PDB file of N, CA and C in Angstrom:
ATOM      1  N   MET A   1     -24.029  -2.017  -3.431  1.00  0.00           N
ATOM      2  CA  MET A   1     -23.333  -2.308  -3.957  1.00  0.00           C
ATOM      3  C   MET A   1     -22.704  -3.178  -3.134  1.00  0.00           C
ATOM      4  N   VAL A   2     -21.969  -4.334  -2.874  1.00  0.00           N
ATOM      5  CA  VAL A   2     -21.132  -5.008  -2.017  1.00  0.00           C
ATOM      6  C   VAL A   2     -19.741  -5.014  -2.371  1.00  0.00           C
ATOM      7  N   VAL A   3     -18.793  -4.679  -1.972  1.00  0.00           N
ATOM      8  CA  VAL A   3     -17.371  -4.843  -2.281  1.00  0.00           C
ATOM      9  C   VAL A   3     -16.431  -5.705  -1.282  1.00  0.00           C
ATOM     10  N   VAL A   4     -15.655  -6.293  -1.317  1.00  0.00           N
ATOM     11  CA  VAL A   4     -14.926  -7.137  -0.782  1.00  0.00           C
ATOM     12  C   VAL A   4     -13.331  -6.917  -1.002  1.00  0.00           C
ATOM     13  N   GLY A   5     -12.827  -6.415   0.229  1.00  0.00           N
ATOM     14  CA  GLY A   5     -11.196  -6.515  -0.290  1.00  0.00           C
ATOM     15  C   GLY A   5     -10.542  -7.525   0.605  1.00  0.00           C
ATOM     16  N   THR A   6      -9.346  -7.999  -0.072  1.00  0.00           N
ATOM     17  CA  THR A   6      -8.561  -8.998   0.544  1.00  0.00           C
ATOM     18  C   THR A   6      -7.413  -8.423   0.736  1.00  0.00           C
ATOM     19  N   PHE A   7      -6.805  -8.615   1.988  1.00  0.00           N
ATOM     20  CA  PHE A   7      -5.393  -7.988   2.551  1.00  0.00           C
ATOM     21  C   PHE A   7      -4.513  -9.284   2.953  1.00  0.00           C
ATOM     22  N   LYS A   8      -3.055  -9.333   2.746  1.00  0.00           N
ATOM     23  CA  LYS A   8      -2.438 -10.054   3.765  1.00  0.00           C
ATOM     24  C   LYS A   8      -1.586  -9.361   4.905  1.00  0.00           C
ATOM     25  N   SER A   9      -1.816  -9.899   5.958  1.00  0.00           N
ATOM     26  CA  SER A   9      -1.021  -9.093   7.169  1.00  0.00           C
ATOM     27  C   SER A   9       0.092  -9.998   7.458  1.00  0.00           C
ATOM     28  N   ASP A  10       0.733 -10.092   8.251  1.00  0.00           N
ATOM     29  CA  ASP A  10       1.806 -10.623   8.959  1.00  0.00           C
ATOM     30  C   ASP A  10       1.750 -12.378   8.687  1.00  0.00           C
ATOM     31  N   VAL A  11       0.886 -12.603   9.213  1.00  0.00           N
ATOM     32  CA  VAL A  11       0.363 -13.985   9.376  1.00  0.00           C
ATOM     33  C   VAL A  11      -0.826 -14.494   8.774  1.00  0.00           C
ATOM     34  N   ASP A  12      -1.806 -13.641   8.823  1.00  0.00           N
ATOM     35  CA  ASP A  12      -3.092 -13.873   8.080  1.00  0.00           C
ATOM     36  C   ASP A  12      -3.519 -13.419   6.866  1.00  0.00           C
ATOM     37  N   ILE A  13      -4.492 -13.873   6.228  1.00  0.00           N
ATOM     38  CA  ILE A  13      -5.570 -13.357   5.304  1.00  0.00           C
ATOM     39  C   ILE A  13      -6.890 -12.514   5.364  1.00  0.00           C
ATOM     40  N   ILE A  14      -7.105 -11.472   5.418  1.00  0.00           N
ATOM     41  CA  ILE A  14      -8.261 -10.719   5.898  1.00  0.00           C
ATOM     42  C   ILE A  14      -8.925 -10.334   4.849  1.00  0.00           C
ATOM     43  N   GLN A  15     -10.034 -10.527   4.906  1.00  0.00           N
ATOM     44  CA  GLN A  15     -11.161 -10.151   3.845  1.00  0.00           C
ATOM     45  C   GLN A  15     -11.881  -8.710   4.550  1.00  0.00           C
ATOM     46  N   ILE A  16     -12.228  -7.949   3.988  1.00  0.00           N
ATOM     47  CA  ILE A  16     -13.340  -6.732   4.367  1.00  0.00           C
ATOM     48  C   ILE A  16     -14.158  -6.497   3.608  1.00  0.00           C
ATOM     49  N   GLY A  17     -15.395  -6.727   4.115  1.00  0.00           N
ATOM     50  CA  GLY A  17     -16.862  -6.570   3.335  1.00  0.00           C
ATOM     51  C   GLY A  17     -17.468  -5.292   3.234  1.00  0.00           C
ATOM     52  N   ILE A  18     -17.877  -4.859   2.633  1.00  0.00           N
ATOM     53  CA  ILE A  18     -18.743  -3.407   2.514  1.00  0.00           C
ATOM     54  C   ILE A  18     -19.939  -3.185   1.896  1.00  0.00           C
ATOM     55  N   LYS A  19     -20.947  -3.134   2.701  1.00  0.00           N
ATOM     56  CA  LYS A  19     -22.046  -3.135   2.042  1.00  0.00           C
ATOM     57  C   LYS A  19     -22.634  -1.757   2.298  1.00  0.00           C
ATOM     58  N   GLY A  20     -23.200  -0.469   1.773  1.00  0.00           N
ATOM     59  CA  GLY A  20     -23.635   0.840   2.449  1.00  0.00           C
ATOM     60  C   GLY A  20     -22.447   1.497   3.483  1.00  0.00           C
ATOM     61  N   ASN A  21     -22.681   1.395   4.478  1.00  0.00           N
ATOM     62  CA  ASN A  21     -22.079   1.605   5.662  1.00  0.00           C
ATOM     63  C   ASN A  21     -21.953   0.746   6.674  1.00  0.00           C
ATOM     64  N   ASN A  22     -21.962  -0.339   6.257  1.00  0.00           N
ATOM     65  CA  ASN A  22     -21.695  -1.509   7.278  1.00  0.00           C
ATOM     66  C   ASN A  22     -20.413  -2.285   6.843  1.00  0.00           C
ATOM     67  N   LEU A  23     -19.412  -2.621   7.809  1.00  0.00           N
ATOM     68  CA  LEU A  23     -18.172  -3.062   7.553  1.00  0.00           C
ATOM     69  C   LEU A  23     -18.103  -4.310   8.094  1.00  0.00           C
ATOM     70  N   THR A  24     -17.429  -5.586   7.243  1.00  0.00           N
ATOM     71  CA  THR A  24     -17.263  -7.004   8.034  1.00  0.00           C
ATOM     72  C   THR A  24     -15.907  -7.352   7.964  1.00  0.00           C
ATOM     73  N   PHE A  25     -15.308  -7.904   8.869  1.00  0.00           N
ATOM     74  CA  PHE A  25     -14.520  -8.216   8.592  1.00  0.00           C
ATOM     75  C   PHE A  25     -14.449  -9.571   9.014  1.00  0.00           C
ATOM     76  N   PHE A  26     -13.269 -10.607   8.213  1.00  0.00           N
ATOM     77  CA  PHE A  26     -13.032 -12.061   8.174  1.00  0.00           C
ATOM     78  C   PHE A  26     -11.910 -12.456   7.924  1.00  0.00           C
ATOM     79  N   ASP A  27     -11.417 -13.017   9.129  1.00  0.00           N
ATOM     80  CA  ASP A  27     -10.068 -13.856   9.137  1.00  0.00           C
ATOM     81  C   ASP A  27     -10.144 -14.832   8.665  1.00  0.00           C
ATOM     82  N   VAL A  28      -9.252 -15.086   7.249  1.00  0.00           N
ATOM     83  CA  VAL A  28      -9.712 -16.337   6.687  1.00  0.00           C
ATOM     84  C   VAL A  28      -9.603 -17.587   7.222  1.00  0.00           C
ATOM     85  N   GLY A  29      -7.993 -17.506   7.961  1.00  0.00           N
ATOM     86  CA  GLY A  29      -7.194 -18.438   8.657  1.00  0.00           C
ATOM     87  C   GLY A  29      -8.065 -18.815   9.834  1.00  0.00           C
ATOM     88  N   SER A  30      -8.462 -18.281  10.403  1.00  0.00           N
ATOM     89  CA  SER A  30      -8.894 -18.549  11.559  1.00  0.00           C
ATOM     90  C   SER A  30     -11.045 -18.824  11.628  1.00  0.00           C
ATOM     91  N   GLY A  31     -11.464 -18.036  10.493  1.00  0.00           N
ATOM     92  CA  GLY A  31     -12.794 -18.130  10.393  1.00  0.00           C
ATOM     93  C   GLY A  31     -13.569 -17.666  11.225  1.00  0.00           C
ATOM     94  N   VAL A  32     -12.730 -16.380  11.570  1.00  0.00           N
ATOM     95  CA  VAL A  32     -13.364 -15.304  12.838  1.00  0.00           C
ATOM     96  C   VAL A  32     -14.024 -14.020  12.002  1.00  0.00           C
ATOM     97  N   VAL A  33     -15.531 -14.023  11.935  1.00  0.00           N
ATOM     98  CA  VAL A  33     -16.240 -12.713  11.451  1.00  0.00           C
ATOM     99  C   VAL A  33     -16.162 -11.593  12.469  1.00  0.00           C
ATOM    100  N   THR A  34     -16.129 -10.516  12.187  1.00  0.00           N
ATOM    101  CA  THR A  34     -16.359  -9.781  13.375  1.00  0.00           C
ATOM    102  C   THR A  34     -17.146  -8.046  12.553  1.00  0.00           C
ATOM    103  N   THR A  35     -17.583  -7.002  13.455  1.00  0.00           N
ATOM    104  CA  THR A  35     -17.997  -5.667  12.895  1.00  0.00           C
ATOM    105  C   THR A  35     -16.777  -4.812  12.926  1.00  0.00           C
ATOM    106  N   ILE A  36     -16.713  -3.661  12.992  1.00  0.00           N
ATOM    107  CA  ILE A  36     -15.992  -2.809  13.659  1.00  0.00           C
ATOM    108  C   ILE A  36     -16.071  -2.834  14.784  1.00  0.00           C
ATOM    109  N   GLU A  37     -16.754  -3.193  15.840  1.00  0.00           N
ATOM    110  CA  GLU A  37     -16.808  -2.780  17.027  1.00  0.00           C
ATOM    111  C   GLU A  37     -16.330  -4.279  17.998  1.00  0.00           C
ATOM    112  N   GLY A  38     -15.825  -5.249  17.090  1.00  0.00           N
ATOM    113  CA  GLY A  38     -15.192  -6.380  17.559  1.00  0.00           C
ATOM    114  C   GLY A  38     -13.940  -6.480  17.495  1.00  0.00           C
ATOM    115  N   LEU A  39     -13.076  -5.262  16.745  1.00  0.00           N
ATOM    116  CA  LEU A  39     -11.442  -5.295  16.300  1.00  0.00           C
ATOM    117  C   LEU A  39     -11.051  -4.577  17.545  1.00  0.00           C
ATOM    118  N   ARG A  40      -9.842  -5.077  17.328  1.00  0.00           N
ATOM    119  CA  ARG A  40      -9.012  -4.599  18.569  1.00  0.00           C
ATOM    120  C   ARG A  40      -7.986  -3.229  18.074  1.00  0.00           C
ATOM    121  N   PHE A  41      -8.576  -2.303  19.034  1.00  0.00           N
ATOM    122  CA  PHE A  41      -7.748  -0.797  18.888  1.00  0.00           C
ATOM    123  C   PHE A  41      -6.449  -0.713  19.757  1.00  0.00           C
ATOM    124  N   ASP A  42      -5.677  -0.098  19.069  1.00  0.00           N
ATOM    125  CA  ASP A  42      -4.393   0.444  19.642  1.00  0.00           C
ATOM    126  C   ASP A  42      -4.207   1.592  20.141  1.00  0.00           C
ATOM    127  N   LYS A  43      -4.318   1.906  21.442  1.00  0.00           N
ATOM    128  CA  LYS A  43      -4.388   3.285  22.077  1.00  0.00           C
ATOM    129  C   LYS A  43      -3.877   4.043  21.346  1.00  0.00           C
ATOM    130  N   SER A  44      -2.585   3.925  21.583  1.00  0.00           N
ATOM    131  CA  SER A  44      -1.217   4.735  21.078  1.00  0.00           C
ATOM    132  C   SER A  44      -1.612   5.279  19.309  1.00  0.00           C
ATOM    133  N   GLY A  45      -2.251   4.110  18.777  1.00  0.00           N
ATOM    134  CA  GLY A  45      -2.756   4.597  17.032  1.00  0.00           C
ATOM    135  C   GLY A  45      -3.780   5.577  17.404  1.00  0.00           C
ATOM    136  N   VAL A  46      -4.937   5.399  18.164  1.00  0.00           N
ATOM    137  CA  VAL A  46      -6.164   5.923  18.357  1.00  0.00           C
ATOM    138  C   VAL A  46      -5.675   7.220  18.648  1.00  0.00           C
ATOM    139  N   ILE A  47      -4.738   7.612  19.599  1.00  0.00           N
ATOM    140  CA  ILE A  47      -4.298   8.917  19.971  1.00  0.00           C
ATOM    141  C   ILE A  47      -3.354   9.654  18.753  1.00  0.00           C
ATOM    142  N   LYS A  48      -2.573   8.828  18.317  1.00  0.00           N
ATOM    143  CA  LYS A  48      -2.120   9.468  17.264  1.00  0.00           C
ATOM    144  C   LYS A  48      -3.263  10.054  15.864  1.00  0.00           C
ATOM    145  N   GLU A  49      -3.927   9.275  15.860  1.00  0.00           N
ATOM    146  CA  GLU A  49      -5.368  10.156  15.011  1.00  0.00           C
ATOM    147  C   GLU A  49      -6.111  11.179  15.748  1.00  0.00           C
ATOM    148  N   PHE A  50      -6.697  10.780  17.016  1.00  0.00           N
ATOM    149  CA  PHE A  50      -7.651  11.575  17.817  1.00  0.00           C
ATOM    150  C   PHE A  50      -6.707  12.011  19.087  1.00  0.00           C
ATOM    151  N   PRO A  51      -5.704  12.834  19.150  1.00  0.00           N
ATOM    152  CA  PRO A  51      -5.176  13.145  20.296  1.00  0.00           C
ATOM    153  C   PRO A  51      -5.846  13.810  21.591  1.00  0.00           C
ATOM    154  N   ASP A  52      -7.330  14.265  21.032  1.00  0.00           N
ATOM    155  CA  ASP A  52      -7.890  14.716  22.333  1.00  0.00           C
ATOM    156  C   ASP A  52      -8.961  13.290  22.993  1.00  0.00           C
ATOM    157  N   LEU A  53      -8.488  12.470  22.747  1.00  0.00           N
ATOM    158  CA  LEU A  53      -9.149  11.260  23.522  1.00  0.00           C
ATOM    159  C   LEU A  53      -7.782  10.609  24.501  1.00  0.00           C
ATOM    160  N   LYS A  54      -6.816  11.297  24.555  1.00  0.00           N
ATOM    161  CA  LYS A  54      -5.689  10.665  25.277  1.00  0.00           C
ATOM    162  C   LYS A  54      -6.067  10.230  26.688  1.00  0.00           C
ATOM    163  N   ASP A  55      -6.696  10.906  27.235  1.00  0.00           N
ATOM    164  CA  ASP A  55      -7.187  11.121  28.648  1.00  0.00           C
ATOM    165  C   ASP A  55      -8.405  10.164  29.051  1.00  0.00           C
ATOM    166  N   ASP A  56      -9.502   9.919  27.852  1.00  0.00           N
ATOM    167  CA  ASP A  56     -10.602   9.753  27.861  1.00  0.00           C
ATOM    168  C   ASP A  56     -10.691   8.230  28.147  1.00  0.00           C
ATOM    169  N   GLU A  57     -11.881   8.006  29.126  1.00  0.00           N
ATOM    170  CA  GLU A  57     -12.088   6.413  29.366  1.00  0.00           C
ATOM    171  C   GLU A  57     -12.405   5.927  28.382  1.00  0.00           C
ATOM    172  N   ASP A  58     -13.500   6.590  27.611  1.00  0.00           N
ATOM    173  CA  ASP A  58     -14.025   5.831  26.895  1.00  0.00           C
ATOM    174  C   ASP A  58     -13.956   6.099  25.299  1.00  0.00           C
ATOM    175  N   TRP A  59     -12.184   6.201  25.192  1.00  0.00           N
ATOM    176  CA  TRP A  59     -11.760   6.413  24.262  1.00  0.00           C
ATOM    177  C   TRP A  59     -11.759   5.655  22.710  1.00  0.00           C
ATOM    178  N   ARG A  60     -12.272   4.226  23.160  1.00  0.00           N
ATOM    179  CA  ARG A  60     -12.415   3.217  22.438  1.00  0.00           C
ATOM    180  C   ARG A  60     -13.596   3.425  21.298  1.00  0.00           C
ATOM    181  N   LEU A  61     -14.928   3.612  22.236  1.00  0.00           N
ATOM    182  CA  LEU A  61     -16.217   3.837  22.023  1.00  0.00           C
ATOM    183  C   LEU A  61     -16.304   4.804  21.057  1.00  0.00           C
ATOM    184  N   LYS A  62     -15.584   5.969  21.374  1.00  0.00           N
ATOM    185  CA  LYS A  62     -15.443   7.282  20.751  1.00  0.00           C
ATOM    186  C   LYS A  62     -14.805   7.248  19.516  1.00  0.00           C
ATOM    187  N   SER A  63     -13.197   6.112  19.611  1.00  0.00           N
ATOM    188  CA  SER A  63     -12.913   6.285  18.259  1.00  0.00           C
ATOM    189  C   SER A  63     -13.708   5.508  17.330  1.00  0.00           C
ATOM    190  N   ILE A  64     -14.484   4.477  17.695  1.00  0.00           N
ATOM    191  CA  ILE A  64     -15.328   3.781  16.630  1.00  0.00           C
ATOM    192  C   ILE A  64     -16.383   4.831  16.039  1.00  0.00           C
ATOM    193  N   LYS A  65     -16.844   5.685  16.891  1.00  0.00           N
ATOM    194  CA  LYS A  65     -17.915   6.393  16.719  1.00  0.00           C
ATOM    195  C   LYS A  65     -17.565   7.370  15.565  1.00  0.00           C
ATOM    196  N   ARG A  66     -16.203   7.765  15.673  1.00  0.00           N
ATOM    197  CA  ARG A  66     -15.549   8.517  14.944  1.00  0.00           C
ATOM    198  C   ARG A  66     -15.285   7.832  13.385  1.00  0.00           C
ATOM    199  N   LEU A  67     -14.914   7.140  13.568  1.00  0.00           N
ATOM    200  CA  LEU A  67     -14.707   6.159  12.264  1.00  0.00           C
ATOM    201  C   LEU A  67     -15.822   5.772  11.682  1.00  0.00           C
ATOM    202  N   LYS A  68     -17.070   5.483  12.124  1.00  0.00           N
ATOM    203  CA  LYS A  68     -18.184   4.985  11.435  1.00  0.00           C
ATOM    204  C   LYS A  68     -18.858   6.303  10.708  1.00  0.00           C
ATOM    205  N   GLU A  69     -18.684   7.353  11.637  1.00  0.00           N
ATOM    206  CA  GLU A  69     -18.938   8.754  10.740  1.00  0.00           C
ATOM    207  C   GLU A  69     -18.440   9.095   9.971  1.00  0.00           C
ATOM    208  N   HIS A  70     -16.920   9.185   9.815  1.00  0.00           N
ATOM    209  CA  HIS A  70     -16.131   9.330   8.689  1.00  0.00           C
ATOM    210  C   HIS A  70     -16.561   8.374   7.728  1.00  0.00           C
ATOM    211  N   MET A  71     -17.047   7.036   7.850  1.00  0.00           N
ATOM    212  CA  MET A  71     -16.855   6.269   6.592  1.00  0.00           C
ATOM    213  C   MET A  71     -18.396   6.843   5.823  1.00  0.00           C
ATOM    214  N   LYS A  72     -19.202   7.198   6.739  1.00  0.00           N
ATOM    215  CA  LYS A  72     -20.499   8.149   6.171  1.00  0.00           C
ATOM    216  C   LYS A  72     -20.237   8.760   4.929  1.00  0.00           C
ATOM    217  N   LYS A  73     -19.058   9.704   4.960  1.00  0.00           N
ATOM    218  CA  LYS A  73     -18.731  10.497   4.349  1.00  0.00           C
ATOM    219  C   LYS A  73     -18.486  10.073   2.956  1.00  0.00           C
ATOM    220  N   PHE A  74     -17.969   9.303   2.766  1.00  0.00           N
ATOM    221  CA  PHE A  74     -18.014   8.349   1.334  1.00  0.00           C
ATOM    222  C   PHE A  74     -18.945   8.256   0.670  1.00  0.00           C
ATOM    223  N   GLU A  75     -18.998   8.004  -0.786  1.00  0.00           N
ATOM    224  CA  GLU A  75     -20.397   7.892  -1.524  1.00  0.00           C
ATOM    225  C   GLU A  75     -20.607   6.533  -1.794  1.00  0.00           C
ATOM    226  N   THR A  76     -19.444   6.272  -2.255  1.00  0.00           N
ATOM    227  CA  THR A  76     -19.623   4.435  -2.803  1.00  0.00           C
ATOM    228  C   THR A  76     -18.831   3.634  -1.617  1.00  0.00           C
ATOM    229  N   GLU A  77     -19.380   2.472  -2.036  1.00  0.00           N
ATOM    230  CA  GLU A  77     -18.462   1.642  -1.346  1.00  0.00           C
ATOM    231  C   GLU A  77     -17.160   1.019  -1.445  1.00  0.00           C
ATOM    232  N   MET A  78     -16.765   1.698  -3.119  1.00  0.00           N
ATOM    233  CA  MET A  78     -15.612   1.409  -3.449  1.00  0.00           C
ATOM    234  C   MET A  78     -14.270   2.589  -2.637  1.00  0.00           C
ATOM    235  N   GLU A  79     -15.143   3.543  -2.524  1.00  0.00           N
ATOM    236  CA  GLU A  79     -14.203   4.841  -2.081  1.00  0.00           C
ATOM    237  C   GLU A  79     -13.852   4.253  -0.500  1.00  0.00           C
ATOM    238  N   LYS A  80     -14.967   3.550   0.144  1.00  0.00           N
ATOM    239  CA  LYS A  80     -14.565   3.352   1.209  1.00  0.00           C
ATOM    240  C   LYS A  80     -13.791   2.121   1.518  1.00  0.00           C
ATOM    241  N   LEU A  81     -13.641   1.313   0.934  1.00  0.00           N
ATOM    242  CA  LEU A  81     -12.694   0.044   0.357  1.00  0.00           C
ATOM    243  C   LEU A  81     -11.169   0.585   0.124  1.00  0.00           C
ATOM    244  N   ASN A  82     -11.194   1.776  -0.728  1.00  0.00           N
ATOM    245  CA  ASN A  82      -9.904   2.309  -0.893  1.00  0.00           C
ATOM    246  C   ASN A  82      -9.605   3.116   0.455  1.00  0.00           C
ATOM    247  N   TYR A  83     -10.052   3.722   1.062  1.00  0.00           N
ATOM    248  CA  TYR A  83     -10.227   4.604   2.404  1.00  0.00           C
ATOM    249  C   TYR A  83      -9.296   3.399   3.569  1.00  0.00           C
ATOM    250  N   VAL A  84      -9.855   2.444   3.731  1.00  0.00           N
ATOM    251  CA  VAL A  84      -9.760   1.117   4.427  1.00  0.00           C
ATOM    252  C   VAL A  84      -8.043   0.637   3.718  1.00  0.00           C
ATOM    253  N   LYS A  85      -8.190   0.489   2.544  1.00  0.00           N
ATOM    254  CA  LYS A  85      -6.789  -0.014   2.132  1.00  0.00           C
ATOM    255  C   LYS A  85      -5.694   0.907   2.482  1.00  0.00           C
ATOM    256  N   ASP A  86      -5.787   2.220   2.419  1.00  0.00           N
ATOM    257  CA  ASP A  86      -4.921   3.185   2.706  1.00  0.00           C
ATOM    258  C   ASP A  86      -4.702   3.129   4.356  1.00  0.00           C
ATOM    259  N   GLU A  87      -5.322   2.742   4.561  1.00  0.00           N
ATOM    260  CA  GLU A  87      -5.241   2.635   6.410  1.00  0.00           C
ATOM    261  C   GLU A  87      -4.296   1.337   6.997  1.00  0.00           C
ATOM    262  N   LEU A  88      -4.719   0.484   5.867  1.00  0.00           N
ATOM    263  CA  LEU A  88      -4.290  -1.048   6.560  1.00  0.00           C
ATOM    264  C   LEU A  88      -2.898  -0.982   5.642  1.00  0.00           C
ATOM    265  N   VAL A  89      -2.342  -0.241   4.687  1.00  0.00           N
ATOM    266  CA  VAL A  89      -1.113   0.073   3.959  1.00  0.00           C
ATOM    267  C   VAL A  89      -0.207   0.233   5.063  1.00  0.00           C
ATOM    268  N   LYS A  90      -0.517   1.439   5.715  1.00  0.00           N
ATOM    269  CA  LYS A  90       0.430   2.119   6.659  1.00  0.00           C
ATOM    270  C   LYS A  90       0.624   1.027   7.925  1.00  0.00           C
ATOM    271  N   PHE A  91      -0.038   0.260   8.044  1.00  0.00           N
ATOM    272  CA  PHE A  91       0.595  -0.869   9.396  1.00  0.00           C
ATOM    273  C   PHE A  91       1.065  -2.138   8.317  1.00  0.00           C
ATOM    274  N   GLY A  92       1.396  -1.958   7.368  1.00  0.00           N
ATOM    275  CA  GLY A  92       2.272  -3.074   6.708  1.00  0.00           C
ATOM    276  C   GLY A  92       1.245  -4.516   6.209  1.00  0.00           C
ATOM    277  N   ASN A  93       0.345  -3.878   6.233  1.00  0.00           N
ATOM    278  CA  ASN A  93      -0.646  -4.899   5.118  1.00  0.00           C
ATOM    279  C   ASN A  93      -0.800  -4.744   3.676  1.00  0.00           C
ATOM    280  N   ILE A  94      -0.695  -5.895   3.143  1.00  0.00           N
ATOM    281  CA  ILE A  94      -0.626  -5.789   1.553  1.00  0.00           C
ATOM    282  C   ILE A  94      -2.112  -6.086   0.882  1.00  0.00           C
ATOM    283  N   PRO A  95      -2.604  -5.022   0.221  1.00  0.00           N
ATOM    284  CA  PRO A  95      -3.765  -5.201  -0.481  1.00  0.00           C
ATOM    285  C   PRO A  95      -3.568  -6.561  -1.547  1.00  0.00           C
ATOM    286  N   LEU A  96      -4.267  -7.328  -1.857  1.00  0.00           N
ATOM    287  CA  LEU A  96      -4.531  -8.497  -2.711  1.00  0.00           C
ATOM    288  C   LEU A  96      -4.825  -8.410  -3.856  1.00  0.00           C
ATOM    289  N   TYR A  97      -6.511  -8.408  -3.332  1.00  0.00           N
ATOM    290  CA  TYR A  97      -7.531  -8.265  -4.569  1.00  0.00           C
ATOM    291  C   TYR A  97      -8.737  -7.537  -4.014  1.00  0.00           C
ATOM    292  N   PHE A  98      -9.481  -7.230  -5.118  1.00  0.00           N
ATOM    293  CA  PHE A  98     -11.017  -6.744  -4.573  1.00  0.00           C
ATOM    294  C   PHE A  98     -11.854  -7.529  -5.887  1.00  0.00           C
ATOM    295  N   GLN A  99     -13.177  -7.516  -4.976  1.00  0.00           N
ATOM    296  CA  GLN A  99     -14.460  -8.063  -5.978  1.00  0.00           C
ATOM    297  C   GLN A  99     -15.599  -6.931  -5.761  1.00  0.00           C
ATOM    298  N   ARG A 100     -16.241  -6.588  -6.560  1.00  0.00           N
ATOM    299  CA  ARG A 100     -17.136  -5.878  -6.810  1.00  0.00           C
ATOM    300  C   ARG A 100     -18.490  -6.611  -7.118  1.00  0.00           C
ATOM    301  N   ASN A 101     -19.788  -6.692  -6.117  1.00  0.00           N
ATOM    302  CA  ASN A 101     -20.836  -7.156  -6.524  1.00  0.00           C
ATOM    303  C   ASN A 101     -20.865  -8.606  -6.979  1.00  0.00           C
ATOM    304  N   GLY A 102     -19.927  -9.474  -6.584  1.00  0.00           N
ATOM    305  CA  GLY A 102     -19.754 -11.224  -6.853  1.00  0.00           C
ATOM    306  C   GLY A 102     -18.856 -11.028  -8.483  1.00  0.00           C
ATOM    307  N   PHE A 103     -18.575  -9.917  -8.877  1.00  0.00           N
ATOM    308  CA  PHE A 103     -17.903 -10.158 -10.249  1.00  0.00           C
ATOM    309  C   PHE A 103     -16.648 -10.631 -10.233  1.00  0.00           C
ATOM    310  N   ARG A 104     -15.907 -10.638 -11.329  1.00  0.00           N
ATOM    311  CA  ARG A 104     -14.804 -11.083 -11.505  1.00  0.00           C
ATOM    312  C   ARG A 104     -13.874 -10.390 -10.503  1.00  0.00           C
ATOM    313  N   VAL A 105     -12.655 -11.415  -9.895  1.00  0.00           N
ATOM    314  CA  VAL A 105     -11.689 -10.375  -8.712  1.00  0.00           C
ATOM    315  C   VAL A 105     -10.689  -9.409  -9.693  1.00  0.00           C
ATOM    316  N   GLU A 106     -10.433  -8.581  -9.272  1.00  0.00           N
ATOM    317  CA  GLU A 106      -9.527  -7.605  -9.453  1.00  0.00           C
ATOM    318  C   GLU A 106      -8.300  -7.441  -8.756  1.00  0.00           C
ATOM    319  N   LYS A 107      -7.010  -7.100  -9.213  1.00  0.00           N
ATOM    320  CA  LYS A 107      -6.167  -7.044  -8.474  1.00  0.00           C
ATOM    321  C   LYS A 107      -6.189  -5.411  -8.274  1.00  0.00           C
ATOM    322  N   TRP A 108      -5.347  -4.897  -7.225  1.00  0.00           N
ATOM    323  CA  TRP A 108      -5.279  -3.542  -6.834  1.00  0.00           C
ATOM    324  C   TRP A 108      -4.326  -2.633  -7.977  1.00  0.00           C
ATOM    325  N   SER A 109      -4.438  -1.897  -8.629  1.00  0.00           N
ATOM    326  CA  SER A 109      -3.461  -1.082  -9.089  1.00  0.00           C
ATOM    327  C   SER A 109      -2.580  -0.579  -8.359  1.00  0.00           C
ATOM    328  N   LYS A 110      -1.371  -0.567  -8.890  1.00  0.00           N
ATOM    329  CA  LYS A 110      -0.374   0.294  -7.567  1.00  0.00           C
ATOM    330  C   LYS A 110      -0.055   1.646  -7.709  1.00  0.00           C
TER     331      LYS A 110
END
């Protein structure tokens, strides 16, 4: 199954596609597509989630690895998308809609 979630950040519309354990991020405004490895990570946010990485030189790589492992715990792509949605909402992103397997677009329930 493939699910795609669309979110509004302060200045951009972002789409996140999930197929299996692969996440793809698409910035609609700039057309940039990236995987989780291409995202910018805020060190203070990573430390808040993983305090043991505070003085680790490889904090970014280790946090990516932990996030990938965490995502594997979810059984379905929709569960993974809901987790991503909950994380993005914490940082002020607004969930707009999602789509499953190319079917009709659905609005997020509140």
